[in-house]
Amino acid sequence: MSDMPADRELARPGGVVPRARSIDSRLSRTDVELARRETRRRRLAAFLFVAPLLVFLTFAFVAPIGTMLFRSVHNPVVANLVPDTLAALEAWDREQLPPEAARNQFAVDLKRLANDRLSGRLAEEINRQIPGTSSVVKSRPAPCGGPTMPNSPLAARRC
């Protein structure tokens, strides 16, 4: 085998197969550089054809999902509706009932929300955390002397 040329070293049962030479060894440096530039240019052209699709996917799918994830952890509705109550609750230790000042402030905020017709928004947010509480926030006690249930034990205590 030593008398065979270097390109005929591989043999097969059916005959001799010439060894594959690298393309770079047959091309000059200029040709190799031009081939690389052409490959780069074709890849860039292919990317530019796909770029509008990537922009569409970003705005149609990624942005709404990101917005939804952000809104799931950032919900300032309650903080915007009853800021004074939340400020009064900051000193609360959560071991006992909230302080009297915080409860009074919440009553004032509920009255203001009812007058501004915003109590429904607060009721929705609280109802998401504790189902069934929206009716408690939305309900208004009947004024003294107004229509009440005659057999209600709370009717005598309200006035």
N, C-alpha and C. Protein backbone atom coordinates (compact mmCIF):
# COMPACT_ATOMS: atom_id res chain seq x y z
N MET A 1 0.80 -1.19 0.00
CA MET A 1 0.00 0.00 0.00
C MET A 1 0.84 1.25 0.00
N SER A 2 2.05 1.14 0.33
CA SER A 2 2.89 2.32 0.41
C SER A 2 3.20 2.89 -0.97
N ASP A 3 3.10 2.09 -2.06
CA ASP A 3 3.38 2.60 -3.39
C ASP A 3 2.18 3.32 -4.01
N MET A 4 0.99 3.38 -3.31
CA MET A 4 -0.20 4.07 -3.82
C MET A 4 -0.11 5.55 -3.49
N PRO A 5 -0.69 6.37 -4.31
CA PRO A 5 -0.72 7.80 -3.99
C PRO A 5 -1.58 8.05 -2.74
N ALA A 6 -1.38 9.22 -2.13
CA ALA A 6 -2.04 9.57 -0.87
C ALA A 6 -3.55 9.65 -1.02
N ASP A 7 -4.04 9.99 -2.21
CA ASP A 7 -5.49 10.13 -2.37
C ASP A 7 -6.16 8.79 -2.63
N ARG A 8 -5.44 7.68 -2.67
CA ARG A 8 -6.02 6.38 -2.93
C ARG A 8 -5.81 5.41 -1.76
N GLU A 9 -5.73 5.94 -0.55
CA GLU A 9 -5.45 5.08 0.59
C GLU A 9 -6.66 4.29 1.06
N LEU A 10 -7.86 4.76 0.84
CA LEU A 10 -9.05 4.06 1.27
C LEU A 10 -9.45 3.04 0.22
N ALA A 11 -9.71 1.84 0.64
CA ALA A 11 -10.09 0.80 -0.31
C ALA A 11 -11.44 0.22 0.09
N ARG A 12 -12.18 -0.21 -0.91
CA ARG A 12 -13.48 -0.85 -0.72
C ARG A 12 -13.43 -2.20 -1.41
N PRO A 13 -14.31 -3.11 -1.00
CA PRO A 13 -14.31 -4.41 -1.68
C PRO A 13 -14.52 -4.29 -3.19
N GLY A 14 -15.24 -3.30 -3.64
CA GLY A 14 -15.51 -3.16 -5.07
C GLY A 14 -14.46 -2.38 -5.81
N GLY A 15 -13.52 -1.83 -5.14
CA GLY A 15 -12.50 -1.04 -5.81
C GLY A 15 -11.93 0.01 -4.88
N VAL A 16 -11.13 0.86 -5.40
CA VAL A 16 -10.46 1.88 -4.61
C VAL A 16 -11.25 3.18 -4.72
N VAL A 17 -11.49 3.83 -3.56
CA VAL A 17 -12.21 5.10 -3.51
C VAL A 17 -11.20 6.19 -3.18
N PRO A 18 -11.15 7.24 -3.95
CA PRO A 18 -10.19 8.30 -3.64
C PRO A 18 -10.56 8.99 -2.32
N ARG A 19 -9.56 9.40 -1.57
CA ARG A 19 -9.79 10.11 -0.31
C ARG A 19 -10.37 11.48 -0.63
N ALA A 20 -11.37 11.88 0.15
CA ALA A 20 -11.98 13.18 -0.05
C ALA A 20 -11.04 14.27 0.43
N ARG A 21 -10.82 15.22 -0.41
CA ARG A 21 -9.99 16.35 -0.03
C ARG A 21 -10.91 17.47 0.47
N SER A 22 -10.44 18.29 1.36
CA SER A 22 -11.25 19.40 1.83
C SER A 22 -11.35 20.44 0.72
N ILE A 23 -12.48 21.13 0.71
CA ILE A 23 -12.70 22.14 -0.33
C ILE A 23 -11.71 23.27 -0.15
N ASP A 24 -11.39 23.58 1.10
CA ASP A 24 -10.47 24.68 1.37
C ASP A 24 -9.10 24.45 0.74
N SER A 25 -8.67 23.19 0.63
CA SER A 25 -7.34 22.94 0.10
C SER A 25 -7.28 23.17 -1.41
N ARG A 26 -8.41 23.12 -2.10
CA ARG A 26 -8.42 23.34 -3.54
C ARG A 26 -8.70 24.79 -3.91
N LEU A 27 -9.21 25.60 -2.97
CA LEU A 27 -9.54 26.99 -3.26
C LEU A 27 -8.48 27.92 -2.71
N SER A 28 -8.37 29.04 -3.33
CA SER A 28 -7.43 30.05 -2.83
C SER A 28 -8.08 30.77 -1.64
N ARG A 29 -7.29 31.51 -0.93
CA ARG A 29 -7.82 32.26 0.23
C ARG A 29 -8.90 33.25 -0.19
N THR A 30 -8.74 33.85 -1.31
CA THR A 30 -9.74 34.80 -1.82
C THR A 30 -11.06 34.10 -2.10
N ASP A 31 -10.97 32.93 -2.72
CA ASP A 31 -12.19 32.17 -3.01
C ASP A 31 -12.90 31.73 -1.73
N VAL A 32 -12.11 31.31 -0.74
CA VAL A 32 -12.70 30.90 0.54
C VAL A 32 -13.39 32.09 1.21
N GLU A 33 -12.75 33.25 1.20
CA GLU A 33 -13.35 34.44 1.81
C GLU A 33 -14.62 34.85 1.07
N LEU A 34 -14.61 34.77 -0.24
CA LEU A 34 -15.81 35.10 -1.02
C LEU A 34 -16.94 34.12 -0.74
N ALA A 35 -16.62 32.83 -0.58
CA ALA A 35 -17.64 31.84 -0.25
C ALA A 35 -18.24 32.10 1.13
N ARG A 36 -17.40 32.46 2.08
CA ARG A 36 -17.90 32.78 3.43
C ARG A 36 -18.80 34.01 3.40
N ARG A 37 -18.40 35.03 2.63
CA ARG A 37 -19.23 36.24 2.52
C ARG A 37 -20.59 35.90 1.90
N GLU A 38 -20.57 35.08 0.87
CA GLU A 38 -21.81 34.69 0.22
C GLU A 38 -22.72 33.91 1.17
N THR A 39 -22.13 33.01 1.94
CA THR A 39 -22.91 32.25 2.93
C THR A 39 -23.50 33.19 3.96
N ARG A 40 -22.69 34.13 4.44
CA ARG A 40 -23.18 35.11 5.42
C ARG A 40 -24.31 35.95 4.83
N ARG A 41 -24.16 36.36 3.58
CA ARG A 41 -25.18 37.18 2.92
C ARG A 41 -26.48 36.39 2.78
N ARG A 42 -26.40 35.12 2.44
CA ARG A 42 -27.61 34.29 2.30
C ARG A 42 -28.28 34.07 3.65
N ARG A 43 -27.50 33.86 4.68
CA ARG A 43 -28.09 33.69 6.02
C ARG A 43 -28.80 34.97 6.47
N LEU A 44 -28.17 36.12 6.20
CA LEU A 44 -28.79 37.39 6.55
C LEU A 44 -30.09 37.59 5.77
N ALA A 45 -30.10 37.27 4.49
CA ALA A 45 -31.31 37.40 3.68
C ALA A 45 -32.41 36.48 4.22
N ALA A 46 -32.04 35.27 4.60
CA ALA A 46 -33.04 34.34 5.16
C ALA A 46 -33.60 34.88 6.47
N PHE A 47 -32.73 35.44 7.31
CA PHE A 47 -33.21 36.01 8.57
C PHE A 47 -34.13 37.19 8.32
N LEU A 48 -33.80 38.03 7.33
CA LEU A 48 -34.64 39.19 7.04
C LEU A 48 -36.01 38.77 6.51
N PHE A 49 -36.09 37.62 5.85
CA PHE A 49 -37.40 37.13 5.44
C PHE A 49 -38.22 36.65 6.63
N VAL A 50 -37.57 36.13 7.65
CA VAL A 50 -38.26 35.58 8.82
C VAL A 50 -38.53 36.67 9.87
N ALA A 51 -37.83 37.79 9.82
CA ALA A 51 -37.96 38.84 10.83
C ALA A 51 -39.40 39.35 11.01
N PRO A 52 -40.16 39.62 9.93
CA PRO A 52 -41.55 40.06 10.16
C PRO A 52 -42.38 39.04 10.92
N LEU A 53 -42.16 37.77 10.68
CA LEU A 53 -42.88 36.73 11.42
C LEU A 53 -42.51 36.77 12.90
N LEU A 54 -41.24 36.98 13.20
CA LEU A 54 -40.81 37.07 14.59
C LEU A 54 -41.43 38.28 15.28
N VAL A 55 -41.50 39.40 14.57
CA VAL A 55 -42.13 40.59 15.14
C VAL A 55 -43.62 40.33 15.40
N PHE A 56 -44.30 39.71 14.45
CA PHE A 56 -45.71 39.39 14.62
C PHE A 56 -45.93 38.47 15.83
N LEU A 57 -45.12 37.42 15.93
CA LEU A 57 -45.26 36.50 17.06
C LEU A 57 -45.02 37.21 18.39
N THR A 58 -44.07 38.14 18.41
CA THR A 58 -43.81 38.87 19.64
C THR A 58 -45.02 39.69 20.06
N PHE A 59 -45.61 40.42 19.12
CA PHE A 59 -46.75 41.26 19.48
C PHE A 59 -48.04 40.47 19.66
N ALA A 60 -48.20 39.37 18.96
CA ALA A 60 -49.45 38.62 19.03
C ALA A 60 -49.49 37.64 20.20
N PHE A 61 -48.33 37.12 20.62
CA PHE A 61 -48.34 36.09 21.65
C PHE A 61 -47.52 36.45 22.87
N VAL A 62 -46.31 36.88 22.68
CA VAL A 62 -45.41 37.11 23.82
C VAL A 62 -45.86 38.32 24.64
N ALA A 63 -46.19 39.42 23.98
CA ALA A 63 -46.59 40.62 24.71
C ALA A 63 -47.87 40.42 25.54
N PRO A 64 -48.94 39.83 24.99
CA PRO A 64 -50.12 39.62 25.83
C PRO A 64 -49.87 38.68 27.00
N ILE A 65 -49.09 37.65 26.79
CA ILE A 65 -48.80 36.73 27.89
C ILE A 65 -47.98 37.44 28.96
N GLY A 66 -47.01 38.23 28.54
CA GLY A 66 -46.22 39.00 29.51
C GLY A 66 -47.07 40.00 30.28
N THR A 67 -47.98 40.66 29.59
CA THR A 67 -48.87 41.61 30.25
C THR A 67 -49.77 40.90 31.25
N MET A 68 -50.29 39.75 30.87
CA MET A 68 -51.15 38.99 31.78
C MET A 68 -50.37 38.54 33.02
N LEU A 69 -49.15 38.09 32.83
CA LEU A 69 -48.33 37.68 33.98
C LEU A 69 -48.04 38.86 34.90
N PHE A 70 -47.77 40.02 34.32
CA PHE A 70 -47.52 41.21 35.13
C PHE A 70 -48.76 41.60 35.93
N ARG A 71 -49.91 41.57 35.28
CA ARG A 71 -51.16 41.94 35.97
C ARG A 71 -51.54 40.94 37.05
N SER A 72 -51.07 39.70 36.93
CA SER A 72 -51.41 38.71 37.95
C SER A 72 -50.71 39.00 39.27
N VAL A 73 -49.61 39.71 39.25
CA VAL A 73 -48.91 40.03 40.50
C VAL A 73 -49.02 41.51 40.86
N HIS A 74 -49.40 42.36 39.93
CA HIS A 74 -49.52 43.79 40.20
C HIS A 74 -50.97 44.21 39.98
N ASN A 75 -51.71 44.40 41.07
CA ASN A 75 -53.11 44.77 40.99
C ASN A 75 -53.38 45.88 41.99
N PRO A 76 -53.27 47.14 41.57
CA PRO A 76 -53.40 48.26 42.50
C PRO A 76 -54.82 48.75 42.72
N VAL A 77 -55.84 47.98 42.34
CA VAL A 77 -57.22 48.47 42.42
C VAL A 77 -57.61 48.78 43.86
N VAL A 78 -57.37 47.84 44.77
CA VAL A 78 -57.75 48.07 46.17
C VAL A 78 -56.93 49.20 46.76
N ALA A 79 -55.66 49.24 46.45
CA ALA A 79 -54.80 50.31 46.98
C ALA A 79 -55.25 51.68 46.48
N ASN A 80 -55.77 51.74 45.27
CA ASN A 80 -56.25 53.02 44.74
C ASN A 80 -57.62 53.39 45.29
N LEU A 81 -58.44 52.40 45.63
CA LEU A 81 -59.80 52.70 46.11
C LEU A 81 -59.84 53.07 47.59
N VAL A 82 -59.04 52.41 48.42
CA VAL A 82 -59.07 52.67 49.86
C VAL A 82 -57.64 52.92 50.40
N PRO A 83 -56.97 53.96 49.92
CA PRO A 83 -55.59 54.19 50.36
C PRO A 83 -55.49 54.58 51.84
N ASP A 84 -56.47 55.33 52.35
CA ASP A 84 -56.42 55.76 53.74
C ASP A 84 -56.60 54.57 54.69
N THR A 85 -57.44 53.63 54.32
CA THR A 85 -57.63 52.43 55.14
C THR A 85 -56.35 51.60 55.17
N LEU A 86 -55.71 51.45 54.03
CA LEU A 86 -54.46 50.68 54.00
C LEU A 86 -53.37 51.36 54.81
N ALA A 87 -53.34 52.68 54.79
CA ALA A 87 -52.36 53.40 55.62
C ALA A 87 -52.65 53.17 57.10
N ALA A 88 -53.93 53.15 57.47
CA ALA A 88 -54.29 52.91 58.87
C ALA A 88 -53.99 51.47 59.29
N LEU A 89 -54.01 50.53 58.36
CA LEU A 89 -53.77 49.12 58.68
C LEU A 89 -52.27 48.76 58.74
N GLU A 90 -51.40 49.68 58.36
CA GLU A 90 -49.96 49.36 58.36
C GLU A 90 -49.44 49.04 59.76
N ALA A 91 -49.99 49.66 60.77
CA ALA A 91 -49.54 49.41 62.14
C ALA A 91 -50.19 48.18 62.77
N TRP A 92 -51.10 47.55 62.09
CA TRP A 92 -51.84 46.41 62.61
C TRP A 92 -50.93 45.19 62.68
N ASP A 93 -50.96 44.47 63.82
CA ASP A 93 -50.08 43.31 64.02
C ASP A 93 -50.69 42.02 63.50
N ARG A 94 -51.92 42.01 63.05
CA ARG A 94 -52.65 40.86 62.50
C ARG A 94 -52.85 39.72 63.52
N GLU A 95 -52.63 40.02 64.77
CA GLU A 95 -52.88 39.06 65.84
C GLU A 95 -54.28 39.29 66.43
N GLN A 96 -54.63 40.53 66.56
CA GLN A 96 -55.90 40.96 67.14
C GLN A 96 -56.79 41.52 66.02
N LEU A 97 -57.95 42.03 66.39
CA LEU A 97 -58.79 42.74 65.44
C LEU A 97 -58.07 44.01 65.01
N PRO A 98 -58.37 44.52 63.83
CA PRO A 98 -57.76 45.79 63.42
C PRO A 98 -58.11 46.89 64.42
N PRO A 99 -57.25 47.89 64.53
CA PRO A 99 -57.54 48.98 65.48
C PRO A 99 -58.83 49.73 65.11
N GLU A 100 -59.39 50.35 66.09
CA GLU A 100 -60.64 51.10 65.91
C GLU A 100 -60.49 52.17 64.82
N ALA A 101 -59.34 52.84 64.78
CA ALA A 101 -59.13 53.89 63.78
C ALA A 101 -59.18 53.32 62.37
N ALA A 102 -58.62 52.13 62.17
CA ALA A 102 -58.62 51.50 60.84
C ALA A 102 -60.03 51.10 60.45
N ARG A 103 -60.80 50.57 61.39
CA ARG A 103 -62.18 50.18 61.08
C ARG A 103 -63.02 51.40 60.75
N ASN A 104 -62.83 52.48 61.51
CA ASN A 104 -63.58 53.72 61.23
C ASN A 104 -63.19 54.28 59.85
N GLN A 105 -61.91 54.23 59.54
CA GLN A 105 -61.46 54.73 58.24
C GLN A 105 -62.03 53.88 57.11
N PHE A 106 -62.12 52.56 57.32
CA PHE A 106 -62.72 51.69 56.30
C PHE A 106 -64.19 52.03 56.11
N ALA A 107 -64.90 52.34 57.20
CA ALA A 107 -66.31 52.73 57.09
C ALA A 107 -66.44 54.03 56.29
N VAL A 108 -65.53 54.97 56.56
CA VAL A 108 -65.56 56.24 55.82
C VAL A 108 -65.27 55.99 54.34
N ASP A 109 -64.27 55.14 54.05
CA ASP A 109 -63.94 54.83 52.66
C ASP A 109 -65.09 54.11 51.96
N LEU A 110 -65.76 53.18 52.65
CA LEU A 110 -66.91 52.50 52.05
C LEU A 110 -68.04 53.48 51.74
N LYS A 111 -68.27 54.41 52.63
CA LYS A 111 -69.31 55.42 52.41
C LYS A 111 -68.96 56.29 51.20
N ARG A 112 -67.68 56.69 51.11
CA ARG A 112 -67.23 57.50 49.97
C ARG A 112 -67.37 56.71 48.67
N LEU A 113 -66.98 55.43 48.69
CA LEU A 113 -67.09 54.60 47.48
C LEU A 113 -68.55 54.41 47.07
N ALA A 114 -69.43 54.25 48.05
CA ALA A 114 -70.86 54.09 47.73
C ALA A 114 -71.40 55.37 47.11
N ASN A 115 -71.01 56.52 47.64
CA ASN A 115 -71.47 57.79 47.09
C ASN A 115 -70.91 58.03 45.69
N ASP A 116 -69.67 57.60 45.46
CA ASP A 116 -69.04 57.76 44.14
C ASP A 116 -69.40 56.63 43.18
N ARG A 117 -70.20 55.69 43.66
CA ARG A 117 -70.63 54.53 42.88
C ARG A 117 -69.44 53.69 42.41
N LEU A 118 -68.46 53.51 43.32
CA LEU A 118 -67.28 52.69 43.04
C LEU A 118 -67.20 51.47 43.95
N SER A 119 -68.20 51.27 44.78
CA SER A 119 -68.14 50.14 45.71
C SER A 119 -68.15 48.80 44.97
N GLY A 120 -68.72 48.77 43.78
CA GLY A 120 -68.74 47.53 43.00
C GLY A 120 -67.34 47.08 42.61
N ARG A 121 -66.46 48.02 42.31
CA ARG A 121 -65.08 47.66 41.94
C ARG A 121 -64.35 47.06 43.14
N LEU A 122 -64.54 47.66 44.30
CA LEU A 122 -63.93 47.11 45.52
C LEU A 122 -64.53 45.73 45.82
N ALA A 123 -65.83 45.62 45.64
CA ALA A 123 -66.50 44.33 45.92
C ALA A 123 -65.97 43.23 45.00
N GLU A 124 -65.72 43.55 43.72
CA GLU A 124 -65.17 42.56 42.79
C GLU A 124 -63.80 42.07 43.25
N GLU A 125 -62.95 43.01 43.64
CA GLU A 125 -61.59 42.64 44.04
C GLU A 125 -61.59 41.81 45.32
N ILE A 126 -62.40 42.19 46.28
CA ILE A 126 -62.46 41.43 47.53
C ILE A 126 -63.09 40.06 47.27
N ASN A 127 -64.08 40.02 46.38
CA ASN A 127 -64.75 38.76 46.06
C ASN A 127 -63.80 37.76 45.38
N ARG A 128 -62.77 38.26 44.70
CA ARG A 128 -61.78 37.35 44.09
C ARG A 128 -60.97 36.63 45.15
N GLN A 129 -60.74 37.30 46.27
CA GLN A 129 -59.97 36.69 47.35
C GLN A 129 -60.85 35.85 48.28
N ILE A 130 -62.03 36.38 48.60
CA ILE A 130 -62.96 35.70 49.51
C ILE A 130 -64.31 35.62 48.81
N PRO A 131 -64.59 34.51 48.13
CA PRO A 131 -65.85 34.40 47.38
C PRO A 131 -67.08 34.61 48.27
N GLY A 132 -68.04 35.33 47.72
CA GLY A 132 -69.29 35.58 48.43
C GLY A 132 -69.32 36.89 49.19
N THR A 133 -68.24 37.66 49.18
CA THR A 133 -68.22 38.89 49.97
C THR A 133 -68.64 40.12 49.18
N SER A 134 -68.88 39.98 47.89
CA SER A 134 -69.26 41.18 47.12
C SER A 134 -70.58 41.76 47.61
N SER A 135 -71.51 40.90 47.99
CA SER A 135 -72.81 41.42 48.46
C SER A 135 -72.65 42.15 49.79
N VAL A 136 -71.68 41.77 50.61
CA VAL A 136 -71.46 42.46 51.88
C VAL A 136 -70.96 43.88 51.63
N VAL A 137 -70.06 44.04 50.67
CA VAL A 137 -69.51 45.37 50.39
C VAL A 137 -70.55 46.24 49.69
N LYS A 138 -71.32 45.67 48.79
CA LYS A 138 -72.28 46.45 48.02
C LYS A 138 -73.53 46.82 48.82
N SER A 139 -73.85 46.03 49.84
CA SER A 139 -75.10 46.28 50.56
C SER A 139 -74.99 47.55 51.39
N ARG A 140 -76.10 48.25 51.48
CA ARG A 140 -76.18 49.46 52.30
C ARG A 140 -77.26 49.22 53.34
N PRO A 141 -76.99 49.54 54.58
CA PRO A 141 -78.04 49.36 55.58
C PRO A 141 -79.18 50.35 55.34
N ALA A 142 -80.36 49.91 55.64
CA ALA A 142 -81.52 50.80 55.47
C ALA A 142 -81.43 51.90 56.52
N PRO A 143 -81.80 53.12 56.14
CA PRO A 143 -81.76 54.22 57.13
C PRO A 143 -82.75 53.96 58.26
N CYS A 144 -82.51 54.57 59.40
CA CYS A 144 -83.40 54.40 60.55
C CYS A 144 -84.80 54.87 60.17
N GLY A 145 -85.75 54.07 60.51
CA GLY A 145 -87.12 54.41 60.19
C GLY A 145 -87.52 53.95 58.80
N GLY A 146 -86.55 53.37 58.03
CA GLY A 146 -86.85 52.89 56.68
C GLY A 146 -87.40 51.48 56.74
N PRO A 147 -87.64 50.90 55.60
CA PRO A 147 -88.18 49.54 55.57
C PRO A 147 -87.15 48.54 56.07
N THR A 148 -87.52 47.77 57.06
CA THR A 148 -86.65 46.72 57.60
C THR A 148 -87.48 45.47 57.76
N MET A 149 -86.81 44.39 58.02
CA MET A 149 -87.53 43.15 58.30
C MET A 149 -88.02 43.24 59.75
N PRO A 150 -89.30 43.08 59.99
CA PRO A 150 -89.82 43.32 61.33
C PRO A 150 -89.31 42.33 62.37
N ASN A 151 -89.00 41.13 62.01
CA ASN A 151 -88.55 40.14 62.99
C ASN A 151 -87.04 40.06 63.13
N SER A 152 -86.32 40.96 62.48
CA SER A 152 -84.86 40.91 62.51
C SER A 152 -84.33 41.37 63.85
N PRO A 153 -83.41 40.62 64.48
CA PRO A 153 -82.86 41.04 65.76
C PRO A 153 -81.97 42.26 65.62
N LEU A 154 -81.47 42.53 64.38
CA LEU A 154 -80.62 43.70 64.18
C LEU A 154 -81.43 44.97 63.98
N ALA A 155 -82.72 44.85 63.70
CA ALA A 155 -83.53 46.03 63.43
C ALA A 155 -83.56 46.96 64.62
N ALA A 156 -83.64 46.44 65.81
CA ALA A 156 -83.72 47.29 67.01
C ALA A 156 -82.35 47.87 67.33
N ARG A 157 -81.26 47.21 66.99
CA ARG A 157 -79.92 47.68 67.35
C ARG A 157 -79.39 48.73 66.38
N ARG A 158 -79.95 48.83 65.17
CA ARG A 158 -79.42 49.74 64.17
C ARG A 158 -79.70 51.19 64.50
N CYS A 159 -80.78 51.51 65.12
CA CYS A 159 -81.17 52.90 65.34
C CYS A 159 -80.92 53.35 66.76
